[in-house]
Protein backbone atom coordinates (compact mmCIF):
# COMPACT_ATOMS: atom_id res chain seq x y z
CA MET A 1 -20.20 -27.14 -25.35
CA THR A 2 -19.61 -30.62 -23.90
CA LYS A 3 -22.05 -32.42 -21.54
CA ARG A 4 -19.56 -32.02 -18.71
CA GLN A 5 -19.42 -28.27 -19.23
CA GLN A 6 -23.20 -28.03 -19.37
CA SER A 7 -23.45 -30.12 -16.19
CA THR A 8 -21.06 -27.80 -14.41
CA ILE A 9 -23.14 -24.78 -15.46
CA ASN A 10 -26.37 -26.43 -14.30
CA LYS A 11 -24.90 -27.36 -10.88
CA SER A 12 -23.55 -23.87 -10.37
CA THR A 13 -26.95 -22.43 -11.22
CA THR A 14 -28.74 -24.51 -8.60
CA SER A 15 -26.36 -23.63 -5.80
CA LYS A 16 -26.10 -19.98 -6.86
CA VAL A 17 -29.90 -19.47 -6.88
CA SER A 18 -30.29 -20.96 -3.47
CA SER A 19 -27.47 -18.90 -1.97
CA VAL A 20 -28.43 -15.62 -3.60
CA ASN A 21 -32.09 -15.97 -2.61
CA GLN A 22 -31.02 -16.34 1.01
CA ILE A 23 -28.79 -13.22 0.82
CA LEU A 24 -30.71 -10.90 -1.49
CA SER A 25 -34.33 -11.01 -0.39
CA ARG A 26 -35.50 -8.17 -2.62
CA LYS A 27 -35.24 -7.41 -6.30
CA ILE A 28 -32.23 -5.35 -7.27
CA PRO A 29 -33.37 -1.85 -8.28
CA LEU A 30 -32.13 0.07 -11.31
CA LYS A 31 -33.85 3.34 -12.23
CA CYS A 32 -32.03 4.75 -15.22
CA LYS A 33 -31.71 8.55 -15.10
CA ASN A 34 -31.78 9.07 -18.89
CA ALA A 35 -32.22 7.32 -22.18
CA LYS A 36 -28.44 6.77 -22.62
CA GLN A 37 -28.19 4.89 -19.29
CA LYS A 38 -31.12 2.69 -20.34
CA GLU A 39 -29.49 1.98 -23.70
CA TYR A 40 -26.24 1.07 -21.98
CA ALA A 41 -28.04 -1.28 -19.55
CA ASN A 42 -29.80 -3.06 -22.41
CA LEU A 43 -26.51 -3.45 -24.34
CA ILE A 44 -24.87 -5.08 -21.29
CA ARG A 45 -27.72 -7.59 -21.07
CA GLU A 46 -27.51 -8.37 -24.75
CA LYS A 47 -23.74 -8.76 -25.36
CA GLU A 48 -21.18 -11.15 -24.02
CA ILE A 49 -18.61 -8.36 -23.69
CA THR A 50 -19.49 -4.66 -23.47
CA PHE A 51 -16.98 -1.82 -23.73
CA CYS A 52 -17.96 1.60 -22.46
CA SER A 53 -16.15 4.92 -22.36
CA GLY A 54 -17.26 8.25 -20.87
CA PRO A 55 -16.45 11.00 -18.40
CA ALA A 56 -16.95 10.91 -14.66
CA GLY A 57 -20.55 11.41 -13.54
CA VAL A 58 -22.44 9.66 -16.39
CA GLY A 59 -23.25 6.55 -14.32
CA LYS A 60 -20.97 4.01 -16.08
CA SER A 61 -20.08 2.16 -12.92
CA PHE A 62 -23.47 2.40 -11.25
CA VAL A 63 -25.38 1.03 -14.26
CA ALA A 64 -22.79 -1.74 -14.86
CA ILE A 65 -22.81 -2.91 -11.23
CA ALA A 66 -26.60 -2.71 -10.88
CA VAL A 67 -27.18 -4.73 -14.10
CA ALA A 68 -24.51 -7.25 -12.96
CA LEU A 69 -26.31 -7.75 -9.64
CA GLN A 70 -29.65 -8.06 -11.42
CA LEU A 71 -28.31 -10.71 -13.81
CA PHE A 72 -26.65 -12.53 -10.95
CA GLN A 73 -29.93 -12.64 -8.99
CA ASP A 74 -31.99 -13.82 -11.98
CA PRO A 75 -32.55 -17.64 -11.70
CA ASN A 76 -32.65 -17.86 -15.51
CA ASN A 77 -28.96 -16.87 -15.65
CA SER A 78 -26.36 -19.34 -14.43
CA TYR A 79 -23.64 -16.98 -13.25
CA SER A 80 -22.01 -18.29 -10.09
CA LYS A 81 -20.07 -15.13 -9.11
CA ILE A 82 -19.25 -11.53 -9.84
CA LEU A 83 -15.60 -10.49 -10.20
CA ILE A 84 -14.57 -6.86 -9.79
CA VAL A 85 -11.21 -6.14 -11.40
CA LYS A 86 -9.18 -2.95 -11.62
CA PRO A 87 -5.60 -2.25 -12.70
CA ALA A 88 -3.55 -1.23 -9.68
CA VAL A 89 -2.34 2.14 -11.02
CA GLU A 90 -1.92 5.11 -8.69
CA ALA A 91 -3.41 8.50 -9.59
CA GLU A 92 -0.09 10.46 -9.65
CA GLU A 93 0.44 10.51 -5.88
CA LYS A 94 2.40 7.50 -4.51
CA LEU A 95 0.66 5.50 -1.80
CA GLY A 96 3.74 3.60 -0.80
CA PHE A 97 3.76 0.14 0.79
CA LEU A 98 0.26 -1.05 1.68
CA PRO A 99 0.04 -3.42 4.69
CA GLY A 100 -2.19 -6.46 5.01
CA ASP A 101 -3.13 -9.38 2.77
CA LEU A 102 -4.02 -9.18 -0.89
CA LYS A 103 -7.62 -8.04 -0.17
CA ASP A 104 -6.29 -5.21 2.02
CA LYS A 105 -3.83 -4.12 -0.67
CA MET A 106 -6.50 -4.01 -3.35
CA LEU A 107 -9.07 -2.13 -1.22
CA PRO A 108 -7.93 1.44 -2.11
CA TYR A 109 -8.28 0.63 -5.83
CA LEU A 110 -11.67 -1.04 -5.43
CA ALA A 111 -13.25 1.32 -2.91
CA SER A 112 -15.37 3.23 -5.42
CA SER A 113 -16.85 0.04 -6.85
CA ILE A 114 -17.49 -1.40 -3.39
CA ASP A 115 -19.26 1.85 -2.36
CA ILE A 116 -21.68 1.39 -5.31
CA VAL A 117 -22.41 -2.20 -4.37
CA ASP A 118 -23.15 -1.06 -0.80
CA LYS A 119 -25.57 1.61 -2.11
CA ILE A 120 -27.42 -0.93 -4.17
CA ILE A 121 -27.70 -3.96 -1.85
CA GLY A 122 -26.37 -2.67 1.51
CA VAL A 123 -23.12 -3.40 3.38
CA GLU A 124 -24.50 -6.51 5.14
CA ASN A 125 -25.54 -8.19 1.91
CA ARG A 126 -22.29 -7.29 0.23
CA LEU A 127 -20.27 -8.87 3.10
CA LYS A 128 -22.39 -12.03 2.88
CA LEU A 129 -21.71 -12.29 -0.87
CA GLU A 130 -18.00 -11.78 -0.25
CA GLU A 131 -18.02 -14.48 2.51
CA SER A 132 -19.65 -16.95 0.13
CA GLU A 133 -17.13 -15.93 -2.54
CA GLU A 134 -19.93 -14.99 -4.90
CA LEU A 135 -18.60 -11.42 -5.02
CA MET A 136 -14.81 -11.29 -5.36
CA ALA A 137 -12.10 -8.74 -6.10
CA GLU A 138 -9.29 -9.90 -8.34
CA PRO A 139 -6.05 -8.07 -9.19
CA LEU A 140 -5.70 -7.85 -12.97
CA GLY A 141 -2.37 -9.71 -12.85
CA PHE A 142 -4.04 -12.73 -11.32
CA ILE A 143 -6.31 -13.22 -14.38
CA ARG A 144 -3.48 -14.55 -16.48
CA GLY A 145 -3.71 -18.29 -16.97
CA LYS A 146 -7.30 -18.57 -15.72
CA SER A 147 -10.47 -19.35 -17.63
CA ILE A 148 -13.38 -17.15 -16.48
CA ASP A 149 -16.42 -19.43 -16.57
CA ASN A 150 -19.93 -18.83 -15.17
CA SER A 151 -19.01 -15.31 -14.05
CA ILE A 152 -19.84 -11.65 -14.53
CA LEU A 153 -16.57 -9.70 -14.69
CA LEU A 154 -16.55 -5.92 -14.12
CA MET A 155 -13.35 -4.28 -15.34
CA GLU A 156 -13.25 -0.60 -14.33
CA GLU A 157 -10.66 2.13 -14.98
CA ALA A 158 -9.79 0.26 -18.17
CA GLN A 159 -8.11 3.39 -19.58
CA ASN A 160 -5.18 2.43 -17.34
CA MET A 161 -4.80 -1.00 -19.04
CA SER A 162 -2.18 -1.64 -21.69
CA PRO A 163 -3.26 -3.30 -24.96
CA SER A 164 -1.34 -6.38 -23.81
CA GLN A 165 -3.30 -6.52 -20.56
CA MET A 166 -6.54 -6.08 -22.41
CA LYS A 167 -5.61 -8.94 -24.72
CA THR A 168 -4.89 -11.16 -21.70
CA LEU A 169 -8.23 -10.24 -20.08
CA LEU A 170 -10.32 -10.79 -23.25
CA THR A 171 -8.73 -14.16 -24.02
CA ARG A 172 -9.56 -15.44 -20.51
CA ILE A 173 -13.35 -15.42 -21.06
CA GLY A 174 -14.78 -18.92 -20.76
CA TYR A 175 -18.23 -20.41 -21.00
CA ASN A 176 -21.34 -18.61 -19.83
CA SER A 177 -19.56 -15.46 -18.78
CA LYS A 178 -20.11 -11.75 -19.35
CA TYR A 179 -17.56 -8.95 -19.31
CA ILE A 180 -18.39 -5.27 -18.66
CA ILE A 181 -15.33 -3.15 -19.40
CA SER A 182 -15.45 0.59 -18.83
CA GLY A 183 -13.22 3.64 -18.36
CA ASP A 184 -12.71 7.34 -19.04
CA MET A 185 -10.40 7.88 -21.96
CA ASP A 186 -9.57 11.42 -20.70
CA GLN A 187 -8.46 10.34 -17.24
CA SER A 188 -5.69 7.86 -17.68
CA ASP A 189 -3.13 7.77 -14.90
CA ARG A 190 -0.81 5.78 -17.15
CA TYR A 191 -0.96 7.28 -20.63
CA ARG A 192 -0.69 10.93 -21.73
CA ASP A 193 -2.19 9.89 -25.08
CA SER A 194 -5.44 7.95 -24.50
CA LYS A 195 -4.95 6.22 -27.88
CA GLN A 196 -2.15 4.18 -26.24
CA SER A 197 -4.54 2.58 -23.72
CA GLY A 198 -5.92 -0.91 -23.90
CA LEU A 199 -9.46 0.46 -23.70
CA TYR A 200 -9.04 2.62 -26.79
CA ASP A 201 -7.23 -0.12 -28.65
CA ALA A 202 -9.98 -2.69 -27.94
CA MET A 203 -12.85 -0.38 -28.71
CA TYR A 204 -11.47 0.37 -32.14
CA ARG A 205 -9.89 -2.98 -32.94
CA HIS A 206 -12.80 -5.36 -32.36
CA HIS A 207 -15.81 -3.71 -34.05
CA ASN A 208 -16.07 -6.65 -36.44
CA ILE A 209 -17.13 -9.03 -33.64
CA PRO A 210 -20.96 -9.07 -33.32
CA GLU A 211 -20.93 -10.58 -29.79
CA LEU A 212 -19.20 -7.43 -28.50
CA GLY A 213 -20.97 -4.19 -27.65
CA PHE A 214 -19.55 -0.67 -27.73
CA PHE A 215 -20.99 2.34 -25.92
CA GLU A 216 -19.86 5.98 -25.45
CA PHE A 217 -21.15 8.64 -23.09
CA ASP A 218 -20.12 12.27 -23.29
CA GLU A 219 -20.20 15.30 -21.01
CA ASN A 220 -23.85 16.00 -21.92
CA ASP A 221 -24.82 12.67 -20.27
CA ILE A 222 -23.47 13.57 -16.84
CA VAL A 223 -26.14 12.95 -14.15
CA ARG A 224 -24.22 13.92 -11.03
CA ASN A 225 -23.66 17.55 -9.94
CA PRO A 226 -24.21 19.74 -13.06
CA LEU A 227 -20.95 21.54 -12.17
CA ILE A 228 -19.06 18.45 -13.42
CA THR A 229 -20.38 19.04 -16.93
CA LYS A 230 -18.99 22.61 -16.96
CA ILE A 231 -15.61 21.47 -15.54
CA VAL A 232 -15.25 18.62 -18.08
CA LYS A 233 -16.07 20.95 -20.97
CA ASN A 234 -13.44 23.46 -19.86
CA TYR A 235 -10.80 20.73 -19.67
CA LYS A 236 -11.79 19.67 -23.22
CA LYS A 237 -11.42 23.22 -24.44
CA SER A 238 -7.88 23.43 -23.04
CA GLU A 239 -6.94 20.11 -24.55
CA ASN A 240 -8.22 21.13 -27.95
CA LEU A 241 -6.21 24.40 -27.78
CA ASN A 242 -3.11 22.45 -26.89
CA ASP A 243 -3.61 20.13 -29.81
CA GLU A 244 -3.77 23.03 -32.32
């Protein structure tokens, strides 16, 4: 790393700490609900890029966003912003033309992530971070050509990414950044075969890189309504029968 790059990181750290301390007056909470969530949180902290797959209800997004906010608030880390990225893929039903500017158009795709941010730090603090551009939503297509420096990037619904899109995202990581990439292999709105997705491809292609972390939840790790576990297991039974 050059002196100029280090100077940029140091300057961003000073301004970030001052701004974040004004906005987030209390420590970001994260109470893991089981050992798997705790293991996932520790892996995120340890690795530059973490891939995670698992069914709905295991806490993938909540843990990732909470850890990202904790790292962002920590004065010993020099991240200057959090980026939330999702592929704009509709879940079967067509939404049609969405009015408004880019932020308005992305809102339906990012709503679930924004809801989690609001639960953790409150709507008022989230709006302040957005106003200061320390919390930003980016369409996946706008990542191409950029270098992601001094940032924590949260890529959700990655089962809807193509291998080419994943390659573009991974090769955009710059200095002093952290990626958290997650999705549910069994709920792709783009691929009938999950093995075609960018998330699957990346998780099985890059195991030889020690700076990358890989984590998998299963239906036994679900922490939301216990009914979800039963529903997921039934879907898996049907899929296994169809494969035979």
